[in-house]
Amino acid sequence: MGKVLEGKVAIVTGSGQGVGRALALKFASEGACVITNNRGKGQTETKQLTPEEIATLSPEERKKVADRYAMLAGNAETTANQIIAEGGKAAPFYCDIGNHEAAKELVEFAVKTYGKVDIVANVAGAFGFGSICDIDEETWDRVTTVKPKGYYNVIHFAAPYMMEQKWGRIINCTSRAWLGDWILHPEYCTANAGVVGLTRAVAIELFPYNITCNAFSPFAATRASIDLEASNLVKSDRKKAMAGLPNFTYEQTPAPETIAPFLTYLCTDKASQVSGSVFSIVGNSIARYSEPVEIAKITKFSSELWTQEELEQAAPRGLFGGYTSLADPGNVH
């Protein structure tokens, strides 16, 4: 079997480390010319824990965290260099995709360097810890400026090139946080729900141009995984519950490389009819989320508005039969 992305040009945001780096390497191994990207050099330190919190860890714990960060050290340039060393084609471009003009320059760099844009894989992200009462405005803005705004920025400038050539593939990284269940970070849930909405809207608009747009929710060992586990060590039980941590250690978490094969498949002609979907990828397990549908409905066949008395009678029977709230602890999964 030949290289399935031969002759394609891909932009992979957030490809200095983790899932983005793994995806950039996979794309290149399949023949694509890759523009690697992240905000800048040295983006490997924790953004979630203060020096005071880090100091509460034991010497062994601090060393473990530091060693893991060192293993994940990298940026757009180191990823591009690895691709080139392995015989592929790549060029790095540093920018914050949350900046509209910077995203434009990223896309223009791809076109100037390789002549076109075929694939956009948005993997860049930001994270923060905090309940709705604790989270500050800076954290909210930092997280939501990357997702979904940064993703919109890159797609906005890349889409016209794809439309002109009647071919394109767009992949956006979301998280199961878009469901808003056990990942109790309002800024992160909002950002990733926005990615899903953006993905679906773009898929519908661009499908006539042979352009697909899908989202994926990865579970893989990344810098965020280290932040989560380190936070688990330093926070109180209440904070740990708010962090919504899954019962997996860093060692049990699948490697970022496990995410790349299916996403590469989505970028081929074989997946030309797959668009507007959200996938979950955990190791070699790949799942597709169902489409949201109405499951219960009540209607008043009258020009008069519902009265409170009527709703008290109709709603429990027509809307809430067998209902359990998402907020019910027994319904969290």
Foldseek 3Di string as FASTA:
>chain_A
DAQQQAPAEEEQEPCFFFLSLLQQLSNQVSHYAYEYEYQDAPPQDDPEDDPVLLVPDDPVLNVVLVVLSVVGHTGRVVSQVVSVVVPGHYDYDHNQLLDLVSLLVSLVVSCVVRNAHAEYEYDDFDDYADAPVGDDPVRLCVGQSSFPNSVCSNCVNRVVRLLVVLHHEYEYEAACLCVVFLQRDVSNVVRRVRVLVVQLVCQVVCLVSLYAGEYEHEWAQTSVLSVLVSCVVRDDPVSNSNNSDDPDHSVRFHHSNQPNPVSVVCSGPVVSVDHSWYWYTGRPDIDTDDDDDDDFDDDDPDPDDDDPVNCVVCCCVTPNVVHDDSPPPVNGD
